[in-house]
Amino acid sequence: MHRHFVQAHLWRSAVLLALLLFAINVSPAQTLPAIASPTPLPTPQARSSPSLEKRLFRNILRDQKDIWTSPFRVRGEDARWIIPFGVSTAALIATDRRTASEIREFDDQTALSRNISRIASYTWAGAAGFYLVGRARGNARARETGLLGLEALADGMIVSLSLKEITQRPRPLNDGGRGRFFTGGNSFPSGHAIAAWSFATVLANEYRRNRLIKFGAYGIASAVSISRYTGYRHFLSDILVGSAIGYGIGRYVYYKNHDPNLDGSKAGTTQRSKLIPLVMPGYSGRSRGYGVVLAWTF
């Protein structure tokens, strides 16, 4: 009986270790070298065919293969990120029960937190909106943002549902808030955090020159993640791992599929506002006078 208990404990520990290795392989600092290949981030290459639309489902299958095999490509130099991330996650897991009970003492933020967390539910609509607007207006960057956003969200959803089924961790309001793994539940990792960060990362990279969009996207993703803790829906460790996975998936999808021809092109720049005129110097040969020409585009 004791031997079976030890074997079960070792198996569970191995699963958790594999999850930590997976999460660190999609961490911000690593920018997904282990998922994409043993080399640094893939350099975006120009593509002519087939289109992103035709490759979408095939890309998702490729992404899943790279994601789930990433722990087997961990290198020695990855230890500088694996160790601090693993220690941080282990520390949060060890203190999850206490931090969850402490936040429950404050009830005022519950409704607000749950309203904020609903933003993650609109990420799919947001990605689809970018795609449809991009197609309608001929904006290649918006079109790509929508397609890559949908790909990242699909990858994140598959990973989230799979890990929840493997870890079987109850939510803070269940099982006495003990946060034990493999006891039936769907708390680890936070699916909302994965969705928010995967789409936000694609959006921030596509519009990296626009600080308002970049920091706004990351700010909203952070707010959604924190709200899952203050709303009693997840432990802090669920949120940390979910955020890291979402960020990594977003980075991977962007660098694997981004069209470099959009950088510096008209398709990748912000369109001129219809309210602000184009100011140009003007000269009239008949009156031999100089002036200023204001031009609006409608």
Protein backbone atom coordinates (compact mmCIF):
# COMPACT_ATOMS: atom_id res chain seq x y z
CA MET A 1 0.00 0.00 0.00
CA HIS A 2 2.82 2.36 0.90
CA ARG A 3 4.61 1.56 -2.35
CA HIS A 4 1.52 2.43 -4.43
CA PHE A 5 1.17 5.71 -2.52
CA VAL A 6 4.80 6.65 -3.24
CA GLN A 7 4.42 5.77 -6.93
CA ALA A 8 1.28 7.88 -7.22
CA HIS A 9 3.00 10.78 -5.46
CA LEU A 10 6.01 10.56 -7.79
CA TRP A 11 3.76 10.46 -10.85
CA ARG A 12 1.87 13.56 -9.73
CA SER A 13 5.12 15.38 -8.98
CA ALA A 14 6.39 14.51 -12.46
CA VAL A 15 3.24 15.90 -14.05
CA LEU A 16 3.51 19.16 -12.12
CA LEU A 17 7.20 19.47 -13.04
CA ALA A 18 6.36 18.97 -16.70
CA LEU A 19 3.74 21.70 -16.47
CA LEU A 20 6.24 24.10 -14.92
CA LEU A 21 8.75 23.34 -17.67
CA PHE A 22 6.04 23.95 -20.26
CA ALA A 23 5.09 27.26 -18.70
CA ILE A 24 8.67 28.49 -18.55
CA ASN A 25 9.17 27.53 -22.17
CA VAL A 26 6.49 30.04 -23.10
CA SER A 27 7.69 32.70 -20.66
CA PRO A 28 8.34 36.32 -21.72
CA ALA A 29 12.10 36.28 -21.43
CA GLN A 30 12.53 33.10 -23.40
CA THR A 31 10.17 34.24 -26.18
CA LEU A 32 9.46 30.63 -26.99
CA PRO A 33 12.73 29.26 -28.37
CA ALA A 34 11.92 25.83 -26.97
CA ILE A 35 8.51 25.68 -28.59
CA ALA A 36 9.52 26.91 -32.00
CA SER A 37 12.90 25.24 -32.36
CA PRO A 38 16.20 24.72 -30.50
CA THR A 39 17.29 28.07 -31.94
CA PRO A 40 16.13 31.59 -30.99
CA LEU A 41 12.80 33.02 -32.16
CA PRO A 42 12.13 32.31 -35.82
CA THR A 43 12.77 35.27 -38.09
CA PRO A 44 9.56 36.25 -39.87
CA GLN A 45 9.70 35.30 -43.51
CA ALA A 46 7.62 36.71 -46.34
CA ARG A 47 4.96 34.33 -47.62
CA SER A 48 2.90 34.40 -50.76
CA SER A 49 0.67 31.31 -50.53
CA PRO A 50 -1.33 29.76 -49.15
CA SER A 51 -3.03 32.56 -47.27
CA LEU A 52 -3.30 32.74 -43.50
CA GLU A 53 -6.96 31.80 -43.75
CA LYS A 54 -6.15 28.55 -45.54
CA ARG A 55 -3.32 27.73 -43.16
CA LEU A 56 -5.21 28.55 -39.96
CA PHE A 57 -6.29 25.06 -38.94
CA ARG A 58 -3.05 23.49 -40.09
CA ASN A 59 -1.11 26.07 -38.08
CA ILE A 60 -3.12 25.26 -34.95
CA LEU A 61 -2.22 21.57 -35.30
CA ARG A 62 1.44 22.50 -35.76
CA ASP A 63 1.28 24.81 -32.75
CA GLN A 64 -0.09 22.06 -30.53
CA LYS A 65 2.70 19.71 -31.55
CA ASP A 66 5.33 22.33 -30.74
CA ILE A 67 3.69 23.30 -27.46
CA TRP A 68 3.30 19.82 -26.01
CA THR A 69 6.78 18.68 -27.06
CA SER A 70 8.51 21.83 -25.79
CA PRO A 71 9.54 20.35 -22.38
CA PHE A 72 11.67 17.81 -24.22
CA ARG A 73 13.74 20.57 -25.79
CA VAL A 74 14.80 22.33 -22.61
CA ARG A 75 18.42 23.43 -22.74
CA GLY A 76 20.93 24.09 -19.98
CA GLU A 77 20.80 27.83 -20.48
CA ASP A 78 17.05 27.73 -19.83
CA ALA A 79 17.80 27.10 -16.16
CA ARG A 80 18.15 30.84 -15.55
CA TRP A 81 14.42 31.13 -16.27
CA ILE A 82 13.20 27.71 -15.17
CA ILE A 83 14.60 28.03 -11.67
CA PRO A 84 13.09 31.43 -10.70
CA PHE A 85 9.80 30.63 -12.40
CA GLY A 86 9.62 27.20 -10.77
CA VAL A 87 10.47 28.63 -7.36
CA SER A 88 7.87 31.39 -7.73
CA THR A 89 5.18 28.95 -8.80
CA ALA A 90 6.04 26.51 -6.00
CA ALA A 91 5.96 29.34 -3.45
CA LEU A 92 2.54 30.46 -4.65
CA ILE A 93 1.17 26.92 -4.59
CA ALA A 94 2.45 26.52 -1.02
CA THR A 95 0.73 29.75 0.07
CA ASP A 96 -2.39 29.55 -2.10
CA ARG A 97 -4.63 28.42 0.72
CA ARG A 98 -3.63 31.35 2.94
CA THR A 99 -3.80 34.01 0.21
CA ALA A 100 -7.18 32.73 -0.95
CA SER A 101 -8.61 32.89 2.57
CA GLU A 102 -7.25 36.40 3.09
CA ILE A 103 -8.84 37.83 -0.04
CA ARG A 104 -12.20 36.41 0.98
CA GLU A 105 -12.26 38.87 3.88
CA PHE A 106 -12.93 41.66 1.38
CA ASP A 107 -16.30 41.35 -0.33
CA ASP A 108 -16.58 44.82 -1.85
CA GLN A 109 -14.49 43.98 -4.92
CA THR A 110 -16.28 40.76 -5.86
CA ALA A 111 -18.84 42.22 -8.29
CA LEU A 112 -16.29 44.55 -9.88
CA SER A 113 -13.77 41.73 -10.27
CA ARG A 114 -16.23 39.47 -12.00
CA ASN A 115 -17.26 42.24 -14.37
CA ILE A 116 -13.64 42.89 -15.29
CA SER A 117 -12.96 39.19 -15.82
CA ARG A 118 -15.76 39.07 -18.41
CA ILE A 119 -13.52 41.06 -20.74
CA ALA A 120 -11.72 37.80 -21.55
CA SER A 121 -14.98 36.46 -22.97
CA TYR A 122 -14.89 39.15 -25.66
CA THR A 123 -11.39 38.36 -26.93
CA TRP A 124 -12.81 36.07 -29.61
CA ALA A 125 -15.18 38.80 -30.79
CA GLY A 126 -12.31 41.28 -30.71
CA ALA A 127 -10.08 39.08 -32.88
CA ALA A 128 -12.93 38.41 -35.32
CA GLY A 129 -13.65 42.14 -35.45
CA PHE A 130 -10.06 42.96 -36.39
CA TYR A 131 -10.19 40.38 -39.16
CA LEU A 132 -13.52 41.52 -40.61
CA VAL A 133 -12.61 45.21 -40.49
CA GLY A 134 -9.22 44.45 -42.02
CA ARG A 135 -10.82 42.54 -44.89
CA ALA A 136 -13.48 45.18 -45.45
CA ARG A 137 -11.08 48.13 -45.46
CA GLY A 138 -8.12 46.41 -47.08
CA ASN A 139 -5.98 46.85 -43.94
CA ALA A 140 -3.53 43.95 -44.03
CA ARG A 141 -2.27 44.51 -40.48
CA ALA A 142 -5.75 44.46 -38.95
CA ARG A 143 -6.55 41.34 -40.98
CA GLU A 144 -3.41 39.60 -39.76
CA THR A 145 -4.06 40.71 -36.19
CA GLY A 146 -7.47 39.10 -36.27
CA LEU A 147 -6.27 35.83 -37.79
CA LEU A 148 -3.28 35.46 -35.48
CA GLY A 149 -5.44 36.45 -32.54
CA LEU A 150 -7.92 33.68 -33.38
CA GLU A 151 -5.06 31.20 -33.76
CA ALA A 152 -3.55 32.17 -30.40
CA LEU A 153 -6.94 31.98 -28.69
CA ALA A 154 -7.60 28.52 -30.15
CA ASP A 155 -4.18 27.31 -29.02
CA GLY A 156 -4.75 28.75 -25.56
CA MET A 157 -8.18 27.18 -25.23
CA ILE A 158 -6.86 23.72 -26.15
CA VAL A 159 -3.95 24.01 -23.73
CA SER A 160 -6.16 25.38 -20.95
CA LEU A 161 -8.80 22.66 -21.19
CA SER A 162 -6.14 19.94 -21.40
CA LEU A 163 -4.19 21.15 -18.37
CA LYS A 164 -7.35 21.58 -16.33
CA GLU A 165 -8.29 17.97 -17.09
CA ILE A 166 -4.81 16.76 -16.13
CA THR A 167 -4.35 18.75 -12.92
CA GLN A 168 -7.91 18.42 -11.54
CA ARG A 169 -7.56 21.27 -9.04
CA PRO A 170 -10.73 22.60 -7.33
CA ARG A 171 -11.36 26.33 -7.25
CA PRO A 172 -10.80 28.38 -4.08
CA LEU A 173 -14.46 28.20 -3.06
CA ASN A 174 -14.45 24.38 -3.31
CA ASP A 175 -12.72 21.66 -1.31
CA GLY A 176 -12.31 23.99 1.65
CA GLY A 177 -9.98 26.22 -0.34
CA ARG A 178 -7.10 23.78 0.12
CA GLY A 179 -6.06 23.93 -3.53
CA ARG A 180 -5.07 20.29 -3.79
CA PHE A 181 -4.30 18.82 -7.19
CA PHE A 182 -5.82 15.67 -8.73
CA THR A 183 -8.94 15.84 -6.56
CA GLY A 184 -11.47 16.97 -9.19
CA GLY A 185 -11.75 20.55 -10.43
CA ASN A 186 -10.80 22.96 -13.20
CA SER A 187 -8.89 25.77 -11.53
CA PHE A 188 -5.31 25.24 -12.79
CA PRO A 189 -4.36 27.18 -14.85
CA SER A 190 -6.56 30.23 -15.33
CA GLY A 191 -8.24 30.03 -18.73
CA HIS A 192 -9.22 33.69 -18.58
CA ALA A 193 -5.59 34.68 -18.04
CA ILE A 194 -4.47 32.52 -20.97
CA ALA A 195 -7.08 34.03 -23.29
CA ALA A 196 -6.44 37.62 -22.21
CA TRP A 197 -2.66 37.39 -22.49
CA SER A 198 -2.54 35.40 -25.73
CA PHE A 199 -4.67 37.93 -27.63
CA ALA A 200 -3.12 40.95 -25.89
CA THR A 201 0.38 39.78 -26.84
CA VAL A 202 -0.54 39.38 -30.51
CA LEU A 203 -2.18 42.82 -30.50
CA ALA A 204 0.75 44.48 -28.70
CA ASN A 205 3.30 43.02 -31.11
CA GLU A 206 1.31 43.96 -34.20
CA TYR A 207 0.97 47.56 -33.01
CA ARG A 208 4.17 47.83 -31.03
CA ARG A 209 4.82 51.33 -32.34
CA ASN A 210 1.59 52.55 -30.80
CA ARG A 211 2.25 52.78 -27.07
CA LEU A 212 -1.40 53.36 -26.25
CA ILE A 213 -2.42 50.06 -27.85
CA LYS A 214 0.60 48.16 -26.56
CA PHE A 215 0.37 49.15 -22.91
CA GLY A 216 -3.41 49.22 -23.03
CA ALA A 217 -3.52 45.60 -24.20
CA TYR A 218 -1.11 44.43 -21.51
CA GLY A 219 -2.86 46.53 -18.90
CA ILE A 220 -6.25 44.98 -19.67
CA ALA A 221 -4.74 41.49 -19.63
CA SER A 222 -3.21 42.20 -16.22
CA ALA A 223 -6.51 43.53 -14.88
CA VAL A 224 -8.37 40.44 -16.12
CA SER A 225 -5.79 38.14 -14.52
CA ILE A 226 -5.87 39.90 -11.14
CA SER A 227 -9.66 39.98 -11.18
CA ARG A 228 -9.73 36.18 -11.27
CA TYR A 229 -7.99 36.20 -7.88
CA THR A 230 -9.95 39.03 -6.28
CA GLY A 231 -13.17 37.44 -7.53
CA TYR A 232 -12.37 34.14 -5.72
CA ARG A 233 -12.21 32.22 -8.99
CA HIS A 234 -8.53 31.24 -9.01
CA PHE A 235 -5.49 30.88 -6.83
CA LEU A 236 -2.48 33.10 -7.46
CA SER A 237 -0.47 30.19 -8.87
CA ASP A 238 -3.26 29.49 -11.39
CA ILE A 239 -2.99 33.07 -12.59
CA LEU A 240 0.82 33.16 -12.78
CA VAL A 241 1.05 30.01 -14.87
CA GLY A 242 -1.94 30.99 -17.02
CA SER A 243 -0.50 34.43 -17.75
CA ALA A 244 2.90 32.99 -18.67
CA ILE A 245 1.34 30.42 -20.99
CA GLY A 246 -0.90 33.00 -22.66
CA TYR A 247 1.97 35.44 -23.18
CA GLY A 248 4.17 32.70 -24.60
CA ILE A 249 1.53 31.40 -26.99
CA GLY A 250 0.86 34.92 -28.26
CA ARG A 251 4.57 35.54 -28.87
CA TYR A 252 5.00 32.21 -30.59
CA VAL A 253 2.03 32.64 -32.92
CA TYR A 254 3.08 36.18 -33.86
CA TYR A 255 6.72 35.42 -34.62
CA LYS A 256 5.85 32.22 -36.43
CA ASN A 257 3.34 33.83 -38.81
CA HIS A 258 3.90 37.59 -38.96
CA ASP A 259 4.40 38.98 -42.46
CA PRO A 260 7.49 41.26 -42.32
CA ASN A 261 6.29 43.07 -45.43
CA LEU A 262 3.75 44.84 -43.22
CA ASP A 263 6.47 46.58 -41.23
CA GLY A 264 6.95 50.07 -42.54
CA SER A 265 4.30 49.66 -45.22
CA LYS A 266 1.06 51.56 -45.60
CA ALA A 267 -0.82 48.46 -44.51
CA GLY A 268 0.98 48.49 -41.22
CA THR A 269 0.66 52.14 -40.35
CA THR A 270 -2.18 53.95 -38.73
CA GLN A 271 -4.52 55.64 -41.19
CA ARG A 272 -4.75 59.42 -41.15
CA SER A 273 -7.67 60.83 -39.22
CA LYS A 274 -10.47 62.24 -41.35
CA LEU A 275 -10.77 65.18 -38.95
CA ILE A 276 -7.14 66.30 -39.27
CA PRO A 277 -6.25 67.80 -42.66
CA LEU A 278 -3.08 67.23 -44.62
CA VAL A 279 -1.13 70.52 -44.62
CA MET A 280 0.94 71.31 -47.75
CA PRO A 281 2.59 74.44 -49.09
CA GLY A 282 0.95 75.89 -52.21
CA TYR A 283 1.98 78.28 -54.99
CA SER A 284 -0.21 80.10 -57.50
CA GLY A 285 1.54 80.98 -60.74
CA ARG A 286 -1.26 83.30 -61.83
CA SER A 287 -1.13 85.48 -58.73
CA ARG A 288 2.50 84.66 -57.98
CA GLY A 289 1.60 84.04 -54.39
CA TYR A 290 2.42 81.41 -51.83
CA GLY A 291 0.03 79.86 -49.38
CA VAL A 292 -1.02 76.77 -47.47
CA VAL A 293 -3.28 74.03 -48.81
CA LEU A 294 -5.45 72.03 -46.43
CA ALA A 295 -6.66 68.66 -47.73
CA TRP A 296 -9.18 66.33 -46.11
CA THR A 297 -9.65 62.69 -47.12
CA PHE A 298 -13.17 61.27 -46.93
